[in-house]
Amino acid sequence: MNRRVHSRDVEAAARALLIERGVTTPDIAEIVYEMQAPFSPNLSLAECVESVEAVLTKREIQHAVLVGVELDKLAERKMLSEPLQSIVESDEGLFGVDETIALGAVFGYGSIAVTTFGHLDKYKTGIIRKLDTKTSEGIHTFLDDLVASIAANASSRLAHRLRDREENLSPIELKLHDEEEKIG
């Protein structure tokens, strides 16, 4: 039986999973602030939170969160088949599927998002570092990369918004940019 899930339900589920796993919008916004503040001295944390909130409305992000967190949770319950169980549980260095899912969710926000994701994946900024360390509670093989993806997207989105403001785009042009972004 095919049952179509309403997009509001998908978004609510993705947001709930982030909270359940100890990741808040302000946690991600702090990473966005760190990435964008050098380029915008008047940037506020509230602007970063708004950008993270907007990114969390994107289906690609929501789907990636649902899949990745589910795999982390299954690994915690030792419900994956071997050798996948051991690979995910240990966050095997040569296992790139976690990054691949997160990177796939980055492409909607362009080259700034892609390069920012690479930076965050390498340097493990903010809560990403906490999730990536093996000392934290639970398995977060996928979640750390998903948080990097959300932060990278929000950073890119914010960079474009700041440029739009600098260029004094009209309210109609800004609304068109927002509507265009919601596609997907």
N, C-alpha and C. Protein backbone atom coordinates (compact mmCIF):
# COMPACT_ATOMS: atom_id res chain seq x y z
N MET A 1 0.84 -1.19 0.00
CA MET A 1 0.00 0.00 0.00
C MET A 1 0.88 1.25 0.00
N ASN A 2 0.60 2.14 -0.91
CA ASN A 2 1.35 3.40 -0.97
C ASN A 2 0.63 4.46 -0.15
N ARG A 3 1.32 4.94 0.84
CA ARG A 3 0.77 6.00 1.69
C ARG A 3 1.68 7.21 1.57
N ARG A 4 1.14 8.28 1.08
CA ARG A 4 1.93 9.49 0.94
C ARG A 4 1.96 10.24 2.27
N VAL A 5 3.15 10.60 2.70
CA VAL A 5 3.32 11.30 3.97
C VAL A 5 3.35 12.80 3.69
N HIS A 6 2.56 13.53 4.45
CA HIS A 6 2.50 14.98 4.26
C HIS A 6 3.85 15.60 4.61
N SER A 7 4.21 16.61 3.86
CA SER A 7 5.52 17.27 4.06
C SER A 7 5.65 17.87 5.45
N ARG A 8 4.55 18.32 6.05
CA ARG A 8 4.62 18.85 7.43
C ARG A 8 5.04 17.75 8.40
N ASP A 9 4.55 16.53 8.16
CA ASP A 9 4.89 15.41 9.03
C ASP A 9 6.36 15.02 8.88
N VAL A 10 6.86 15.08 7.65
CA VAL A 10 8.26 14.75 7.40
C VAL A 10 9.15 15.78 8.08
N GLU A 11 8.82 17.06 7.92
CA GLU A 11 9.62 18.11 8.56
C GLU A 11 9.60 17.97 10.08
N ALA A 12 8.43 17.74 10.64
CA ALA A 12 8.32 17.59 12.10
C ALA A 12 9.14 16.40 12.59
N ALA A 13 9.10 15.30 11.84
CA ALA A 13 9.87 14.11 12.23
C ALA A 13 11.38 14.38 12.19
N ALA A 14 11.83 15.06 11.15
CA ALA A 14 13.27 15.37 11.04
C ALA A 14 13.71 16.29 12.17
N ARG A 15 12.92 17.30 12.44
CA ARG A 15 13.26 18.23 13.53
C ARG A 15 13.27 17.50 14.88
N ALA A 16 12.29 16.63 15.09
CA ALA A 16 12.21 15.88 16.35
C ALA A 16 13.42 14.96 16.51
N LEU A 17 13.87 14.35 15.43
CA LEU A 17 15.05 13.48 15.51
C LEU A 17 16.29 14.27 15.91
N LEU A 18 16.45 15.46 15.36
CA LEU A 18 17.61 16.29 15.73
C LEU A 18 17.58 16.58 17.23
N ILE A 19 16.43 17.00 17.72
CA ILE A 19 16.29 17.30 19.16
C ILE A 19 16.55 16.04 19.99
N GLU A 20 15.95 14.93 19.57
CA GLU A 20 16.13 13.66 20.28
C GLU A 20 17.60 13.28 20.38
N ARG A 21 18.36 13.62 19.34
CA ARG A 21 19.79 13.27 19.30
C ARG A 21 20.67 14.36 19.91
N GLY A 22 20.06 15.38 20.49
CA GLY A 22 20.82 16.40 21.21
C GLY A 22 21.32 17.55 20.35
N VAL A 23 20.72 17.75 19.19
CA VAL A 23 21.14 18.83 18.29
C VAL A 23 20.03 19.86 18.22
N THR A 24 20.36 21.11 18.56
CA THR A 24 19.38 22.19 18.50
C THR A 24 19.70 23.14 17.36
N THR A 25 18.69 23.89 16.97
CA THR A 25 18.90 24.92 15.95
C THR A 25 20.00 25.90 16.37
N PRO A 26 19.99 26.40 17.61
CA PRO A 26 21.09 27.29 18.02
C PRO A 26 22.48 26.64 17.93
N ASP A 27 22.58 25.33 18.20
CA ASP A 27 23.87 24.64 18.05
C ASP A 27 24.38 24.77 16.62
N ILE A 28 23.49 24.55 15.67
CA ILE A 28 23.87 24.62 14.26
C ILE A 28 24.12 26.07 13.87
N ALA A 29 23.29 26.99 14.39
CA ALA A 29 23.45 28.41 14.08
C ALA A 29 24.81 28.95 14.54
N GLU A 30 25.32 28.43 15.64
CA GLU A 30 26.65 28.86 16.12
C GLU A 30 27.73 28.51 15.09
N ILE A 31 27.59 27.38 14.44
CA ILE A 31 28.54 27.00 13.40
C ILE A 31 28.40 27.95 12.21
N VAL A 32 27.16 28.24 11.83
CA VAL A 32 26.90 29.17 10.72
C VAL A 32 27.52 30.53 11.03
N TYR A 33 27.34 30.99 12.26
CA TYR A 33 27.91 32.27 12.67
C TYR A 33 29.44 32.26 12.52
N GLU A 34 30.04 31.20 13.00
CA GLU A 34 31.50 31.07 12.91
C GLU A 34 31.97 31.10 11.45
N MET A 35 31.20 30.48 10.56
CA MET A 35 31.57 30.42 9.14
C MET A 35 31.37 31.77 8.44
N GLN A 36 30.34 32.52 8.82
CA GLN A 36 29.97 33.73 8.09
C GLN A 36 30.40 35.04 8.73
N ALA A 37 30.64 35.06 10.03
CA ALA A 37 31.01 36.31 10.72
C ALA A 37 32.24 36.99 10.13
N PRO A 38 33.27 36.24 9.70
CA PRO A 38 34.43 36.94 9.12
C PRO A 38 34.09 37.76 7.86
N PHE A 39 33.00 37.41 7.20
CA PHE A 39 32.62 38.10 5.97
C PHE A 39 31.54 39.14 6.20
N SER A 40 30.97 39.16 7.39
CA SER A 40 29.87 40.07 7.70
C SER A 40 29.96 40.50 9.15
N PRO A 41 30.67 41.60 9.43
CA PRO A 41 30.91 42.00 10.82
C PRO A 41 29.64 42.34 11.61
N ASN A 42 28.53 42.65 10.93
CA ASN A 42 27.29 42.99 11.63
C ASN A 42 26.33 41.81 11.75
N LEU A 43 26.82 40.64 11.44
CA LEU A 43 25.99 39.44 11.48
C LEU A 43 25.52 39.15 12.90
N SER A 44 24.26 38.75 13.02
CA SER A 44 23.73 38.37 14.33
C SER A 44 23.46 36.86 14.36
N LEU A 45 23.47 36.32 15.55
CA LEU A 45 23.14 34.91 15.73
C LEU A 45 21.70 34.65 15.30
N ALA A 46 20.83 35.62 15.51
CA ALA A 46 19.42 35.47 15.11
C ALA A 46 19.30 35.25 13.60
N GLU A 47 20.12 35.92 12.81
CA GLU A 47 20.11 35.72 11.36
C GLU A 47 20.55 34.30 11.01
N CYS A 48 21.50 33.79 11.78
CA CYS A 48 21.99 32.43 11.55
C CYS A 48 20.92 31.41 11.92
N VAL A 49 20.22 31.65 13.02
CA VAL A 49 19.12 30.76 13.42
C VAL A 49 18.05 30.76 12.33
N GLU A 50 17.71 31.91 11.82
CA GLU A 50 16.69 32.01 10.76
C GLU A 50 17.10 31.22 9.54
N SER A 51 18.36 31.27 9.19
CA SER A 51 18.85 30.55 8.02
C SER A 51 18.80 29.03 8.25
N VAL A 52 19.17 28.59 9.44
CA VAL A 52 19.09 27.16 9.77
C VAL A 52 17.63 26.71 9.70
N GLU A 53 16.74 27.51 10.26
CA GLU A 53 15.30 27.17 10.24
C GLU A 53 14.82 27.02 8.80
N ALA A 54 15.25 27.91 7.92
CA ALA A 54 14.83 27.84 6.51
C ALA A 54 15.36 26.58 5.84
N VAL A 55 16.60 26.24 6.13
CA VAL A 55 17.20 25.04 5.53
C VAL A 55 16.45 23.78 5.98
N LEU A 56 16.01 23.78 7.21
CA LEU A 56 15.29 22.61 7.73
C LEU A 56 13.91 22.43 7.09
N THR A 57 13.47 23.37 6.28
CA THR A 57 12.21 23.20 5.56
C THR A 57 12.41 22.48 4.23
N LYS A 58 13.66 22.23 3.85
CA LYS A 58 13.96 21.58 2.57
C LYS A 58 13.81 20.06 2.68
N ARG A 59 13.10 19.48 1.73
CA ARG A 59 12.85 18.04 1.75
C ARG A 59 14.15 17.22 1.70
N GLU A 60 15.10 17.65 0.87
CA GLU A 60 16.35 16.88 0.76
C GLU A 60 17.04 16.76 2.11
N ILE A 61 17.02 17.83 2.87
CA ILE A 61 17.63 17.82 4.20
C ILE A 61 16.84 16.89 5.12
N GLN A 62 15.53 17.04 5.11
CA GLN A 62 14.67 16.23 5.97
C GLN A 62 14.86 14.74 5.68
N HIS A 63 14.85 14.39 4.41
CA HIS A 63 15.01 12.98 4.04
C HIS A 63 16.37 12.44 4.47
N ALA A 64 17.42 13.25 4.27
CA ALA A 64 18.75 12.81 4.68
C ALA A 64 18.81 12.59 6.19
N VAL A 65 18.20 13.49 6.96
CA VAL A 65 18.18 13.34 8.42
C VAL A 65 17.44 12.07 8.81
N LEU A 66 16.29 11.83 8.19
CA LEU A 66 15.51 10.64 8.53
C LEU A 66 16.30 9.36 8.26
N VAL A 67 16.95 9.28 7.11
CA VAL A 67 17.70 8.08 6.75
C VAL A 67 18.95 7.93 7.63
N GLY A 68 19.72 8.98 7.75
CA GLY A 68 20.98 8.90 8.49
C GLY A 68 20.78 8.60 9.96
N VAL A 69 19.87 9.30 10.60
CA VAL A 69 19.64 9.07 12.03
C VAL A 69 19.07 7.68 12.26
N GLU A 70 18.22 7.23 11.35
CA GLU A 70 17.68 5.87 11.49
C GLU A 70 18.81 4.84 11.46
N LEU A 71 19.75 5.01 10.56
CA LEU A 71 20.88 4.08 10.50
C LEU A 71 21.73 4.15 11.76
N ASP A 72 21.95 5.35 12.29
CA ASP A 72 22.68 5.47 13.56
C ASP A 72 21.94 4.74 14.68
N LYS A 73 20.63 4.92 14.75
CA LYS A 73 19.84 4.27 15.80
C LYS A 73 19.83 2.75 15.65
N LEU A 74 19.73 2.27 14.43
CA LEU A 74 19.78 0.83 14.20
C LEU A 74 21.14 0.26 14.62
N ALA A 75 22.19 1.01 14.35
CA ALA A 75 23.53 0.57 14.76
C ALA A 75 23.64 0.52 16.28
N GLU A 76 23.05 1.48 16.97
CA GLU A 76 23.07 1.47 18.44
C GLU A 76 22.37 0.23 18.99
N ARG A 77 21.33 -0.21 18.31
CA ARG A 77 20.58 -1.39 18.76
C ARG A 77 21.14 -2.68 18.17
N LYS A 78 22.28 -2.53 17.45
CA LYS A 78 22.96 -3.68 16.82
C LYS A 78 22.02 -4.43 15.87
N MET A 79 21.29 -3.67 15.08
CA MET A 79 20.30 -4.25 14.19
C MET A 79 20.72 -4.23 12.71
N LEU A 80 21.95 -3.80 12.44
CA LEU A 80 22.44 -3.84 11.07
C LEU A 80 23.15 -5.17 10.84
N SER A 81 23.16 -5.62 9.62
CA SER A 81 23.87 -6.85 9.28
C SER A 81 25.36 -6.58 9.25
N GLU A 82 26.14 -7.59 9.56
CA GLU A 82 27.59 -7.50 9.43
C GLU A 82 27.96 -7.64 7.96
N PRO A 83 28.96 -6.95 7.52
CA PRO A 83 29.90 -6.13 8.27
C PRO A 83 29.45 -4.67 8.46
N LEU A 84 28.25 -4.32 7.92
CA LEU A 84 27.79 -2.93 8.05
C LEU A 84 27.68 -2.50 9.49
N GLN A 85 27.22 -3.38 10.36
CA GLN A 85 27.09 -3.03 11.78
C GLN A 85 28.42 -2.53 12.34
N SER A 86 29.48 -3.29 12.13
CA SER A 86 30.80 -2.92 12.66
C SER A 86 31.33 -1.65 12.01
N ILE A 87 31.07 -1.50 10.72
CA ILE A 87 31.55 -0.31 10.00
C ILE A 87 30.88 0.95 10.55
N VAL A 88 29.57 0.92 10.70
CA VAL A 88 28.84 2.10 11.19
C VAL A 88 29.15 2.34 12.66
N GLU A 89 29.16 1.28 13.43
CA GLU A 89 29.42 1.40 14.87
C GLU A 89 30.79 2.02 15.16
N SER A 90 31.77 1.67 14.37
CA SER A 90 33.12 2.20 14.60
C SER A 90 33.39 3.48 13.80
N ASP A 91 32.44 3.91 12.99
CA ASP A 91 32.62 5.07 12.11
C ASP A 91 33.91 4.91 11.30
N GLU A 92 34.01 3.77 10.66
CA GLU A 92 35.17 3.38 9.84
C GLU A 92 35.61 4.53 8.94
N GLY A 93 36.89 4.85 8.99
CA GLY A 93 37.43 5.97 8.24
C GLY A 93 37.25 5.89 6.73
N LEU A 94 37.25 4.70 6.18
CA LEU A 94 37.10 4.55 4.73
C LEU A 94 35.64 4.41 4.30
N PHE A 95 34.73 4.43 5.25
CA PHE A 95 33.30 4.38 4.96
C PHE A 95 32.84 5.79 4.63
N GLY A 96 32.46 6.02 3.40
CA GLY A 96 32.10 7.37 2.97
C GLY A 96 30.62 7.57 2.70
N VAL A 97 29.81 6.57 3.01
CA VAL A 97 28.38 6.69 2.73
C VAL A 97 27.75 7.79 3.58
N ASP A 98 28.23 7.96 4.81
CA ASP A 98 27.70 9.02 5.67
C ASP A 98 27.94 10.39 5.05
N GLU A 99 29.15 10.63 4.55
CA GLU A 99 29.45 11.89 3.88
C GLU A 99 28.68 12.01 2.56
N THR A 100 28.50 10.89 1.87
CA THR A 100 27.80 10.93 0.58
C THR A 100 26.35 11.36 0.75
N ILE A 101 25.67 10.84 1.75
CA ILE A 101 24.29 11.25 2.01
C ILE A 101 24.24 12.74 2.37
N ALA A 102 25.12 13.15 3.25
CA ALA A 102 25.14 14.55 3.68
C ALA A 102 25.53 15.48 2.52
N LEU A 103 26.48 15.07 1.72
CA LEU A 103 26.90 15.88 0.58
C LEU A 103 25.78 16.00 -0.44
N GLY A 104 25.04 14.92 -0.65
CA GLY A 104 23.92 14.97 -1.57
C GLY A 104 22.90 16.02 -1.17
N ALA A 105 22.75 16.24 0.12
CA ALA A 105 21.80 17.24 0.62
C ALA A 105 22.37 18.66 0.55
N VAL A 106 23.62 18.80 0.19
CA VAL A 106 24.27 20.12 0.11
C VAL A 106 24.12 20.75 -1.27
N PHE A 107 23.97 19.94 -2.28
CA PHE A 107 24.03 20.46 -3.65
C PHE A 107 22.99 21.52 -3.98
N GLY A 108 21.88 21.56 -3.26
CA GLY A 108 20.85 22.56 -3.55
C GLY A 108 21.24 23.98 -3.22
N TYR A 109 22.33 24.17 -2.49
CA TYR A 109 22.73 25.51 -2.09
C TYR A 109 24.04 25.97 -2.73
N GLY A 110 24.51 25.27 -3.74
CA GLY A 110 25.61 25.75 -4.54
C GLY A 110 27.00 25.50 -3.99
N SER A 111 27.96 26.11 -4.67
CA SER A 111 29.37 25.84 -4.40
C SER A 111 29.82 26.30 -3.01
N ILE A 112 29.24 27.36 -2.50
CA ILE A 112 29.61 27.80 -1.14
C ILE A 112 29.25 26.70 -0.15
N ALA A 113 28.09 26.10 -0.32
CA ALA A 113 27.68 25.03 0.59
C ALA A 113 28.60 23.82 0.46
N VAL A 114 28.97 23.49 -0.76
CA VAL A 114 29.84 22.32 -0.98
C VAL A 114 31.19 22.52 -0.31
N THR A 115 31.81 23.68 -0.53
CA THR A 115 33.13 23.91 0.05
C THR A 115 33.06 24.07 1.57
N THR A 116 31.98 24.67 2.06
CA THR A 116 31.81 24.80 3.51
C THR A 116 31.62 23.43 4.15
N PHE A 117 30.86 22.56 3.48
CA PHE A 117 30.69 21.20 3.99
C PHE A 117 32.05 20.51 4.11
N GLY A 118 32.88 20.62 3.09
CA GLY A 118 34.21 20.01 3.14
C GLY A 118 35.03 20.52 4.31
N HIS A 119 34.96 21.82 4.53
CA HIS A 119 35.68 22.43 5.66
C HIS A 119 35.16 21.88 6.99
N LEU A 120 33.83 21.85 7.13
CA LEU A 120 33.24 21.37 8.39
C LEU A 120 33.52 19.89 8.61
N ASP A 121 33.52 19.12 7.54
CA ASP A 121 33.81 17.69 7.66
C ASP A 121 35.24 17.47 8.11
N LYS A 122 36.13 18.32 7.66
CA LYS A 122 37.54 18.17 8.04
C LYS A 122 37.83 18.69 9.45
N TYR A 123 37.28 19.87 9.78
CA TYR A 123 37.66 20.52 11.04
C TYR A 123 36.69 20.28 12.20
N LYS A 124 35.53 19.71 11.93
CA LYS A 124 34.58 19.30 12.98
C LYS A 124 34.31 20.43 13.97
N THR A 125 33.71 21.49 13.49
CA THR A 125 33.43 22.68 14.27
C THR A 125 32.21 22.48 15.17
N GLY A 126 32.23 23.09 16.36
CA GLY A 126 31.07 23.13 17.24
C GLY A 126 30.55 21.76 17.63
N ILE A 127 29.25 21.61 17.57
CA ILE A 127 28.60 20.37 17.99
C ILE A 127 29.01 19.20 17.10
N ILE A 128 29.49 19.48 15.90
CA ILE A 128 29.94 18.41 15.02
C ILE A 128 31.07 17.63 15.69
N ARG A 129 31.98 18.34 16.33
CA ARG A 129 33.09 17.69 17.04
C ARG A 129 32.57 16.79 18.17
N LYS A 130 31.59 17.29 18.92
CA LYS A 130 31.02 16.50 20.02
C LYS A 130 30.39 15.22 19.47
N LEU A 131 29.66 15.35 18.37
CA LEU A 131 29.01 14.17 17.78
C LEU A 131 30.01 13.20 17.19
N ASP A 132 31.11 13.72 16.68
CA ASP A 132 32.10 12.88 16.01
C ASP A 132 32.99 12.11 16.98
N THR A 133 33.14 12.63 18.19
CA THR A 133 34.02 11.94 19.14
C THR A 133 33.36 10.68 19.66
N LYS A 134 34.15 9.69 19.87
CA LYS A 134 33.64 8.40 20.32
C LYS A 134 33.30 8.43 21.82
N THR A 135 33.60 9.54 22.48
CA THR A 135 33.31 9.64 23.90
C THR A 135 31.87 10.06 24.17
N SER A 136 31.20 10.63 23.15
CA SER A 136 29.81 11.05 23.37
C SER A 136 28.89 9.84 23.37
N GLU A 137 27.74 10.02 23.95
CA GLU A 137 26.74 8.96 24.06
C GLU A 137 26.17 8.63 22.69
N GLY A 138 26.04 7.39 22.37
CA GLY A 138 25.39 6.97 21.13
C GLY A 138 26.32 6.90 19.94
N ILE A 139 25.74 6.47 18.82
CA ILE A 139 26.44 6.39 17.54
C ILE A 139 25.93 7.53 16.67
N HIS A 140 26.86 8.31 16.15
CA HIS A 140 26.49 9.47 15.34
C HIS A 140 27.27 9.49 14.03
N THR A 141 27.49 8.32 13.47
CA THR A 141 28.26 8.21 12.23
C THR A 141 27.65 9.07 11.13
N PHE A 142 26.34 9.08 11.03
CA PHE A 142 25.66 9.86 10.00
C PHE A 142 25.33 11.26 10.50
N LEU A 143 24.95 11.39 11.77
CA LEU A 143 24.46 12.66 12.28
C LEU A 143 25.50 13.77 12.22
N ASP A 144 26.75 13.49 12.54
CA ASP A 144 27.74 14.57 12.51
C ASP A 144 27.85 15.17 11.10
N ASP A 145 27.79 14.33 10.09
CA ASP A 145 27.87 14.82 8.71
C ASP A 145 26.58 15.54 8.30
N LEU A 146 25.46 15.08 8.81
CA LEU A 146 24.19 15.75 8.50
C LEU A 146 24.15 17.14 9.12
N VAL A 147 24.66 17.28 10.32
CA VAL A 147 24.72 18.60 10.95
C VAL A 147 25.65 19.51 10.14
N ALA A 148 26.77 18.96 9.67
CA ALA A 148 27.67 19.75 8.81
C ALA A 148 26.94 20.18 7.54
N SER A 149 26.13 19.31 6.98
CA SER A 149 25.37 19.62 5.78
C SER A 149 24.37 20.75 6.04
N ILE A 150 23.65 20.66 7.13
CA ILE A 150 22.68 21.71 7.46
C ILE A 150 23.40 23.04 7.67
N ALA A 151 24.49 23.02 8.41
CA ALA A 151 25.25 24.25 8.67
C ALA A 151 25.84 24.83 7.39
N ALA A 152 26.34 23.96 6.53
CA ALA A 152 26.91 24.43 5.25
C ALA A 152 25.83 25.06 4.39
N ASN A 153 24.67 24.43 4.32
CA ASN A 153 23.57 24.99 3.55
C ASN A 153 23.12 26.33 4.12
N ALA A 154 22.98 26.40 5.43
CA ALA A 154 22.55 27.64 6.06
C ALA A 154 23.59 28.74 5.86
N SER A 155 24.86 28.39 5.87
CA SER A 155 25.93 29.37 5.62
C SER A 155 25.84 29.92 4.20
N SER A 156 25.64 29.02 3.26
CA SER A 156 25.53 29.45 1.86
C SER A 156 24.29 30.31 1.65
N ARG A 157 23.18 29.87 2.18
CA ARG A 157 21.94 30.63 2.06
C ARG A 157 22.13 32.03 2.64
N LEU A 158 22.74 32.10 3.81
CA LEU A 158 22.95 33.38 4.47
C LEU A 158 23.90 34.27 3.66
N ALA A 159 24.95 33.70 3.12
CA ALA A 159 25.88 34.49 2.29
C ALA A 159 25.14 35.14 1.12
N HIS A 160 24.26 34.38 0.49
CA HIS A 160 23.48 34.94 -0.62
C HIS A 160 22.50 36.01 -0.14
N ARG A 161 21.87 35.79 1.01
CA ARG A 161 20.94 36.78 1.56
C ARG A 161 21.67 38.08 1.90
N LEU A 162 22.84 37.95 2.48
CA LEU A 162 23.60 39.15 2.84
C LEU A 162 23.98 39.94 1.59
N ARG A 163 24.34 39.25 0.52
CA ARG A 163 24.66 39.92 -0.74
C ARG A 163 23.43 40.60 -1.32
N ASP A 164 22.29 39.92 -1.23
CA ASP A 164 21.04 40.52 -1.71
C ASP A 164 20.76 41.82 -0.98
N ARG A 165 20.99 41.84 0.33
CA ARG A 165 20.78 43.06 1.11
C ARG A 165 21.74 44.16 0.70
N GLU A 166 23.02 43.78 0.52
CA GLU A 166 24.01 44.77 0.08
C GLU A 166 23.62 45.40 -1.25
N GLU A 167 23.01 44.61 -2.10
CA GLU A 167 22.61 45.09 -3.42
C GLU A 167 21.24 45.77 -3.41
N ASN A 168 20.67 45.91 -2.22
CA ASN A 168 19.38 46.57 -2.05
C ASN A 168 18.30 46.03 -2.98
N LEU A 169 18.18 44.72 -3.02
CA LEU A 169 17.12 44.12 -3.83
C LEU A 169 15.77 44.54 -3.28
N SER A 170 14.82 44.65 -4.16
CA SER A 170 13.47 45.05 -3.76
C SER A 170 12.81 43.92 -2.99
N PRO A 171 11.79 44.24 -2.21
CA PRO A 171 11.06 43.18 -1.50
C PRO A 171 10.51 42.11 -2.45
N ILE A 172 10.11 42.49 -3.63
CA ILE A 172 9.61 41.51 -4.60
C ILE A 172 10.73 40.58 -5.03
N GLU A 173 11.93 41.14 -5.30
CA GLU A 173 13.06 40.30 -5.69
C GLU A 173 13.46 39.35 -4.56
N LEU A 174 13.46 39.85 -3.32
CA LEU A 174 13.79 39.00 -2.17
C LEU A 174 12.77 37.88 -2.02
N LYS A 175 11.50 38.21 -2.21
CA LYS A 175 10.46 37.18 -2.11
C LYS A 175 10.63 36.13 -3.21
N LEU A 176 11.00 36.56 -4.42
CA LEU A 176 11.25 35.60 -5.50
C LEU A 176 12.40 34.67 -5.16
N HIS A 177 13.46 35.21 -4.56
CA HIS A 177 14.59 34.37 -4.15
C HIS A 177 14.14 33.35 -3.11
N ASP A 178 13.32 33.78 -2.16
CA ASP A 178 12.83 32.86 -1.13
C ASP A 178 11.97 31.76 -1.75
N GLU A 179 11.10 32.13 -2.66
CA GLU A 179 10.22 31.15 -3.31
C GLU A 179 11.04 30.17 -4.15
N GLU A 180 12.03 30.68 -4.86
CA GLU A 180 12.89 29.83 -5.69
C GLU A 180 13.62 28.81 -4.84
N GLU A 181 14.05 29.25 -3.66
CA GLU A 181 14.80 28.38 -2.75
C GLU A 181 13.94 27.23 -2.24
N LYS A 182 12.65 27.44 -2.13
CA LYS A 182 11.77 26.41 -1.56
C LYS A 182 11.53 25.25 -2.50
N ILE A 183 11.92 25.39 -3.76
CA ILE A 183 11.75 24.29 -4.71
C ILE A 183 12.62 23.13 -4.26
N GLY A 184 12.06 21.96 -4.20
CA GLY A 184 12.82 20.78 -3.79
C GLY A 184 12.66 20.55 -2.38
